[in-house]
Amino acid sequence: MGGLALLLLGIGLVLTLEGLAFALAPSRIEDALDLLRRLPAETRRNLGIAAAALGLALIWLARFLSA
């Protein structure tokens, strides 16, 4: 799978999951956003870094396993 196809696949998966979350549980999304607002900025930053690192690790693992 080429780089562009992999990028489009990733974006499509994110949009699908995000869309399902908003469609199936909109009030839970509001609750989650309220929770995030109450967290200190440093905690939100650390969660973002951890999520990005996990995402990169999963991409690497997927590429490694498909090779």
PDB file of N, CA and C in Angstrom:
ATOM      1  N   MET A   1       0.857  -1.170   0.000  1.00  0.00           N
ATOM      2  CA  MET A   1       0.000   0.000   0.000  1.00  0.00           C
ATOM      3  C   MET A   1       0.896   1.224   0.000  1.00  0.00           C
ATOM      4  N   GLY A   2       0.640   2.129  -0.920  1.00  0.00           N
ATOM      5  CA  GLY A   2       1.443   3.337  -1.029  1.00  0.00           C
ATOM      6  C   GLY A   2       1.197   4.319   0.087  1.00  0.00           C
ATOM      7  N   GLY A   3       2.068   5.315   0.168  1.00  0.00           N
ATOM      8  CA  GLY A   3       1.975   6.301   1.230  1.00  0.00           C
ATOM      9  C   GLY A   3       0.694   7.104   1.202  1.00  0.00           C
ATOM     10  N   LEU A   4       0.284   7.535  -0.001  1.00  0.00           N
ATOM     11  CA  LEU A   4      -0.934   8.323  -0.110  1.00  0.00           C
ATOM     12  C   LEU A   4      -2.163   7.489   0.245  1.00  0.00           C
ATOM     13  N   ALA A   5      -2.181   6.239  -0.212  1.00  0.00           N
ATOM     14  CA  ALA A   5      -3.310   5.367   0.113  1.00  0.00           C
ATOM     15  C   ALA A   5      -3.385   5.128   1.618  1.00  0.00           C
ATOM     16  N   LEU A   6      -2.241   4.965   2.255  1.00  0.00           N
ATOM     17  CA  LEU A   6      -2.207   4.754   3.704  1.00  0.00           C
ATOM     18  C   LEU A   6      -2.688   6.004   4.442  1.00  0.00           C
ATOM     19  N   LEU A   7      -2.290   7.162   3.965  1.00  0.00           N
ATOM     20  CA  LEU A   7      -2.741   8.419   4.567  1.00  0.00           C
ATOM     21  C   LEU A   7      -4.255   8.568   4.440  1.00  0.00           C
ATOM     22  N   LEU A   8      -4.781   8.310   3.262  1.00  0.00           N
ATOM     23  CA  LEU A   8      -6.227   8.411   3.049  1.00  0.00           C
ATOM     24  C   LEU A   8      -6.979   7.386   3.894  1.00  0.00           C
ATOM     25  N   LEU A   9      -6.428   6.193   4.033  1.00  0.00           N
ATOM     26  CA  LEU A   9      -7.038   5.181   4.884  1.00  0.00           C
ATOM     27  C   LEU A   9      -7.097   5.657   6.333  1.00  0.00           C
ATOM     28  N   GLY A  10      -6.001   6.217   6.817  1.00  0.00           N
ATOM     29  CA  GLY A  10      -5.960   6.718   8.191  1.00  0.00           C
ATOM     30  C   GLY A  10      -6.952   7.835   8.428  1.00  0.00           C
ATOM     31  N   ILE A  11      -7.007   8.788   7.511  1.00  0.00           N
ATOM     32  CA  ILE A  11      -7.956   9.895   7.647  1.00  0.00           C
ATOM     33  C   ILE A  11      -9.391   9.377   7.593  1.00  0.00           C
ATOM     34  N   GLY A  12      -9.649   8.435   6.696  1.00  0.00           N
ATOM     35  CA  GLY A  12     -10.984   7.853   6.598  1.00  0.00           C
ATOM     36  C   GLY A  12     -11.399   7.142   7.867  1.00  0.00           C
ATOM     37  N   LEU A  13     -10.476   6.400   8.468  1.00  0.00           N
ATOM     38  CA  LEU A  13     -10.785   5.712   9.725  1.00  0.00           C
ATOM     39  C   LEU A  13     -11.089   6.701  10.843  1.00  0.00           C
ATOM     40  N   VAL A  14     -10.294   7.752  10.941  1.00  0.00           N
ATOM     41  CA  VAL A  14     -10.527   8.764  11.983  1.00  0.00           C
ATOM     42  C   VAL A  14     -11.884   9.420  11.793  1.00  0.00           C
ATOM     43  N   LEU A  15     -12.194   9.827  10.560  1.00  0.00           N
ATOM     44  CA  LEU A  15     -13.476  10.486  10.306  1.00  0.00           C
ATOM     45  C   LEU A  15     -14.656   9.557  10.578  1.00  0.00           C
ATOM     46  N   THR A  16     -14.512   8.286  10.240  1.00  0.00           N
ATOM     47  CA  THR A  16     -15.576   7.318  10.499  1.00  0.00           C
ATOM     48  C   THR A  16     -15.817   7.159  11.992  1.00  0.00           C
ATOM     49  N   LEU A  17     -14.757   6.967  12.757  1.00  0.00           N
ATOM     50  CA  LEU A  17     -14.910   6.787  14.200  1.00  0.00           C
ATOM     51  C   LEU A  17     -15.428   8.051  14.874  1.00  0.00           C
ATOM     52  N   GLU A  18     -14.912   9.210  14.469  1.00  0.00           N
ATOM     53  CA  GLU A  18     -15.384  10.466  15.046  1.00  0.00           C
ATOM     54  C   GLU A  18     -16.853  10.697  14.693  1.00  0.00           C
ATOM     55  N   GLY A  19     -17.203  10.429  13.457  1.00  0.00           N
ATOM     56  CA  GLY A  19     -18.584  10.611  13.038  1.00  0.00           C
ATOM     57  C   GLY A  19     -19.538   9.707  13.794  1.00  0.00           C
ATOM     58  N   LEU A  20     -19.138   8.459  13.998  1.00  0.00           N
ATOM     59  CA  LEU A  20     -19.976   7.534  14.765  1.00  0.00           C
ATOM     60  C   LEU A  20     -20.149   8.000  16.201  1.00  0.00           C
ATOM     61  N   ALA A  21     -19.069   8.488  16.803  1.00  0.00           N
ATOM     62  CA  ALA A  21     -19.156   8.972  18.184  1.00  0.00           C
ATOM     63  C   ALA A  21     -20.133  10.136  18.290  1.00  0.00           C
ATOM     64  N   PHE A  22     -20.044  11.089  17.360  1.00  0.00           N
ATOM     65  CA  PHE A  22     -20.954  12.244  17.390  1.00  0.00           C
ATOM     66  C   PHE A  22     -22.386  11.836  17.078  1.00  0.00           C
ATOM     67  N   ALA A  23     -22.563  10.864  16.197  1.00  0.00           N
ATOM     68  CA  ALA A  23     -23.919  10.454  15.808  1.00  0.00           C
ATOM     69  C   ALA A  23     -24.590   9.602  16.879  1.00  0.00           C
ATOM     70  N   LEU A  24     -23.821   8.729  17.520  1.00  0.00           N
ATOM     71  CA  LEU A  24     -24.419   7.772  18.455  1.00  0.00           C
ATOM     72  C   LEU A  24     -24.468   8.264  19.897  1.00  0.00           C
ATOM     73  N   ALA A  25     -23.576   9.169  20.270  1.00  0.00           N
ATOM     74  CA  ALA A  25     -23.535   9.594  21.672  1.00  0.00           C
ATOM     75  C   ALA A  25     -23.158  11.071  21.790  1.00  0.00           C
ATOM     76  N   PRO A  26     -23.962  11.961  21.244  1.00  0.00           N
ATOM     77  CA  PRO A  26     -23.588  13.381  21.297  1.00  0.00           C
ATOM     78  C   PRO A  26     -23.486  13.933  22.720  1.00  0.00           C
ATOM     79  N   SER A  27     -24.326  13.464  23.636  1.00  0.00           N
ATOM     80  CA  SER A  27     -24.245  13.987  25.008  1.00  0.00           C
ATOM     81  C   SER A  27     -22.968  13.505  25.704  1.00  0.00           C
ATOM     82  N   ARG A  28     -22.507  12.309  25.362  1.00  0.00           N
ATOM     83  CA  ARG A  28     -21.255  11.821  25.950  1.00  0.00           C
ATOM     84  C   ARG A  28     -20.065  12.633  25.444  1.00  0.00           C
ATOM     85  N   ILE A  29     -20.143  13.108  24.206  1.00  0.00           N
ATOM     86  CA  ILE A  29     -19.085  13.961  23.670  1.00  0.00           C
ATOM     87  C   ILE A  29     -19.029  15.263  24.469  1.00  0.00           C
ATOM     88  N   GLU A  30     -20.198  15.831  24.765  1.00  0.00           N
ATOM     89  CA  GLU A  30     -20.234  17.054  25.571  1.00  0.00           C
ATOM     90  C   GLU A  30     -19.654  16.814  26.958  1.00  0.00           C
ATOM     91  N   ASP A  31     -19.969  15.671  27.557  1.00  0.00           N
ATOM     92  CA  ASP A  31     -19.406  15.336  28.874  1.00  0.00           C
ATOM     93  C   ASP A  31     -17.890  15.217  28.801  1.00  0.00           C
ATOM     94  N   ALA A  32     -17.394  14.579  27.746  1.00  0.00           N
ATOM     95  CA  ALA A  32     -15.945  14.416  27.588  1.00  0.00           C
ATOM     96  C   ALA A  32     -15.266  15.773  27.403  1.00  0.00           C
ATOM     97  N   LEU A  33     -15.885  16.658  26.632  1.00  0.00           N
ATOM     98  CA  LEU A  33     -15.318  17.991  26.442  1.00  0.00           C
ATOM     99  C   LEU A  33     -15.312  18.778  27.744  1.00  0.00           C
ATOM    100  N   ASP A  34     -16.365  18.654  28.546  1.00  0.00           N
ATOM    101  CA  ASP A  34     -16.389  19.312  29.858  1.00  0.00           C
ATOM    102  C   ASP A  34     -15.266  18.791  30.752  1.00  0.00           C
ATOM    103  N   LEU A  35     -15.050  17.485  30.711  1.00  0.00           N
ATOM    104  CA  LEU A  35     -13.961  16.891  31.498  1.00  0.00           C
ATOM    105  C   LEU A  35     -12.612  17.436  31.037  1.00  0.00           C
ATOM    106  N   LEU A  36     -12.417  17.519  29.728  1.00  0.00           N
ATOM    107  CA  LEU A  36     -11.157  18.049  29.212  1.00  0.00           C
ATOM    108  C   LEU A  36     -10.953  19.503  29.604  1.00  0.00           C
ATOM    109  N   ARG A  37     -12.026  20.284  29.616  1.00  0.00           N
ATOM    110  CA  ARG A  37     -11.915  21.699  30.015  1.00  0.00           C
ATOM    111  C   ARG A  37     -11.451  21.839  31.458  1.00  0.00           C
ATOM    112  N   ARG A  38     -11.846  20.891  32.299  1.00  0.00           N
ATOM    113  CA  ARG A  38     -11.486  20.972  33.722  1.00  0.00           C
ATOM    114  C   ARG A  38     -10.048  20.509  33.989  1.00  0.00           C
ATOM    115  N   LEU A  39      -9.437  19.801  33.051  1.00  0.00           N
ATOM    116  CA  LEU A  39      -8.066  19.336  33.248  1.00  0.00           C
ATOM    117  C   LEU A  39      -7.091  20.494  33.064  1.00  0.00           C
ATOM    118  N   PRO A  40      -6.019  20.497  33.827  1.00  0.00           N
ATOM    119  CA  PRO A  40      -4.992  21.528  33.626  1.00  0.00           C
ATOM    120  C   PRO A  40      -4.371  21.402  32.228  1.00  0.00           C
ATOM    121  N   ALA A  41      -3.872  22.519  31.716  1.00  0.00           N
ATOM    122  CA  ALA A  41      -3.292  22.535  30.370  1.00  0.00           C
ATOM    123  C   ALA A  41      -2.142  21.538  30.251  1.00  0.00           C
ATOM    124  N   GLU A  42      -1.334  21.421  31.271  1.00  0.00           N
ATOM    125  CA  GLU A  42      -0.192  20.491  31.227  1.00  0.00           C
ATOM    126  C   GLU A  42      -0.660  19.044  31.088  1.00  0.00           C
ATOM    127  N   THR A  43      -1.740  18.694  31.768  1.00  0.00           N
ATOM    128  CA  THR A  43      -2.284  17.340  31.671  1.00  0.00           C
ATOM    129  C   THR A  43      -2.818  17.082  30.265  1.00  0.00           C
ATOM    130  N   ARG A  44      -3.519  18.067  29.700  1.00  0.00           N
ATOM    131  CA  ARG A  44      -4.018  17.920  28.326  1.00  0.00           C
ATOM    132  C   ARG A  44      -2.870  17.778  27.345  1.00  0.00           C
ATOM    133  N   ARG A  45      -1.809  18.546  27.554  1.00  0.00           N
ATOM    134  CA  ARG A  45      -0.635  18.458  26.688  1.00  0.00           C
ATOM    135  C   ARG A  45      -0.010  17.068  26.781  1.00  0.00           C
ATOM    136  N   ASN A  46       0.132  16.557  27.987  1.00  0.00           N
ATOM    137  CA  ASN A  46       0.717  15.223  28.166  1.00  0.00           C
ATOM    138  C   ASN A  46      -0.157  14.136  27.540  1.00  0.00           C
ATOM    139  N   LEU A  47      -1.474  14.272  27.650  1.00  0.00           N
ATOM    140  CA  LEU A  47      -2.378  13.316  27.009  1.00  0.00           C
ATOM    141  C   LEU A  47      -2.234  13.374  25.491  1.00  0.00           C
ATOM    142  N   GLY A  48      -2.087  14.565  24.947  1.00  0.00           N
ATOM    143  CA  GLY A  48      -1.898  14.715  23.505  1.00  0.00           C
ATOM    144  C   GLY A  48      -0.601  14.092  23.034  1.00  0.00           C
ATOM    145  N   ILE A  49       0.471  14.309  23.790  1.00  0.00           N
ATOM    146  CA  ILE A  49       1.765  13.709  23.440  1.00  0.00           C
ATOM    147  C   ILE A  49       1.680  12.192  23.506  1.00  0.00           C
ATOM    148  N   ALA A  50       1.037  11.674  24.543  1.00  0.00           N
ATOM    149  CA  ALA A  50       0.893  10.225  24.685  1.00  0.00           C
ATOM    150  C   ALA A  50       0.060   9.641  23.543  1.00  0.00           C
ATOM    151  N   ALA A  51      -1.014  10.337  23.165  1.00  0.00           N
ATOM    152  CA  ALA A  51      -1.863   9.858  22.064  1.00  0.00           C
ATOM    153  C   ALA A  51      -1.089   9.866  20.749  1.00  0.00           C
ATOM    154  N   ALA A  52      -0.316  10.918  20.516  1.00  0.00           N
ATOM    155  CA  ALA A  52       0.478  10.987  19.288  1.00  0.00           C
ATOM    156  C   ALA A  52       1.534   9.879  19.259  1.00  0.00           C
ATOM    157  N   ALA A  53       2.175   9.630  20.393  1.00  0.00           N
ATOM    158  CA  ALA A  53       3.184   8.569  20.456  1.00  0.00           C
ATOM    159  C   ALA A  53       2.559   7.194  20.224  1.00  0.00           C
ATOM    160  N   LEU A  54       1.398   6.968  20.819  1.00  0.00           N
ATOM    161  CA  LEU A  54       0.700   5.703  20.609  1.00  0.00           C
ATOM    162  C   LEU A  54       0.297   5.548  19.147  1.00  0.00           C
ATOM    163  N   GLY A  55      -0.196   6.613  18.547  1.00  0.00           N
ATOM    164  CA  GLY A  55      -0.563   6.579  17.141  1.00  0.00           C
ATOM    165  C   GLY A  55       0.626   6.250  16.252  1.00  0.00           C
ATOM    166  N   LEU A  56       1.752   6.891  16.509  1.00  0.00           N
ATOM    167  CA  LEU A  56       2.957   6.599  15.729  1.00  0.00           C
ATOM    168  C   LEU A  56       3.413   5.159  15.917  1.00  0.00           C
ATOM    169  N   ALA A  57       3.328   4.664  17.142  1.00  0.00           N
ATOM    170  CA  ALA A  57       3.705   3.275  17.398  1.00  0.00           C
ATOM    171  C   ALA A  57       2.795   2.299  16.657  1.00  0.00           C
ATOM    172  N   LEU A  58       1.505   2.596  16.618  1.00  0.00           N
ATOM    173  CA  LEU A  58       0.576   1.725  15.899  1.00  0.00           C
ATOM    174  C   LEU A  58       0.818   1.772  14.393  1.00  0.00           C
ATOM    175  N   ILE A  59       1.129   2.950  13.864  1.00  0.00           N
ATOM    176  CA  ILE A  59       1.456   3.060  12.441  1.00  0.00           C
ATOM    177  C   ILE A  59       2.716   2.261  12.133  1.00  0.00           C
ATOM    178  N   TRP A  60       3.731   2.412  12.963  1.00  0.00           N
ATOM    179  CA  TRP A  60       4.966   1.667  12.763  1.00  0.00           C
ATOM    180  C   TRP A  60       4.695   0.163  12.820  1.00  0.00           C
ATOM    181  N   LEU A  61       3.906  -0.270  13.798  1.00  0.00           N
ATOM    182  CA  LEU A  61       3.600  -1.692  13.934  1.00  0.00           C
ATOM    183  C   LEU A  61       2.850  -2.217  12.710  1.00  0.00           C
ATOM    184  N   ALA A  62       1.894  -1.439  12.228  1.00  0.00           N
ATOM    185  CA  ALA A  62       1.138  -1.857  11.037  1.00  0.00           C
ATOM    186  C   ALA A  62       2.060  -1.973   9.829  1.00  0.00           C
ATOM    187  N   ARG A  63       2.952  -1.015   9.661  1.00  0.00           N
ATOM    188  CA  ARG A  63       3.895  -1.067   8.536  1.00  0.00           C
ATOM    189  C   ARG A  63       4.860  -2.235   8.700  1.00  0.00           C
ATOM    190  N   PHE A  64       5.313  -2.486   9.916  1.00  0.00           N
ATOM    191  CA  PHE A  64       6.256  -3.572  10.189  1.00  0.00           C
ATOM    192  C   PHE A  64       5.610  -4.930   9.913  1.00  0.00           C
ATOM    193  N   LEU A  65       4.363  -5.094  10.344  1.00  0.00           N
ATOM    194  CA  LEU A  65       3.681  -6.374  10.168  1.00  0.00           C
ATOM    195  C   LEU A  65       3.286  -6.625   8.711  1.00  0.00           C
ATOM    196  N   SER A  66       3.087  -5.553   7.939  1.00  0.00           N
ATOM    197  CA  SER A  66       2.684  -5.744   6.539  1.00  0.00           C
ATOM    198  C   SER A  66       3.884  -5.933   5.620  1.00  0.00           C
ATOM    199  N   ALA A  67       5.093  -5.722   6.131  1.00  0.00           N
ATOM    200  CA  ALA A  67       6.302  -5.859   5.287  1.00  0.00           C
ATOM    201  C   ALA A  67       6.715  -7.301   5.118  1.00  0.00           C
TER     202      ALA A  67
END
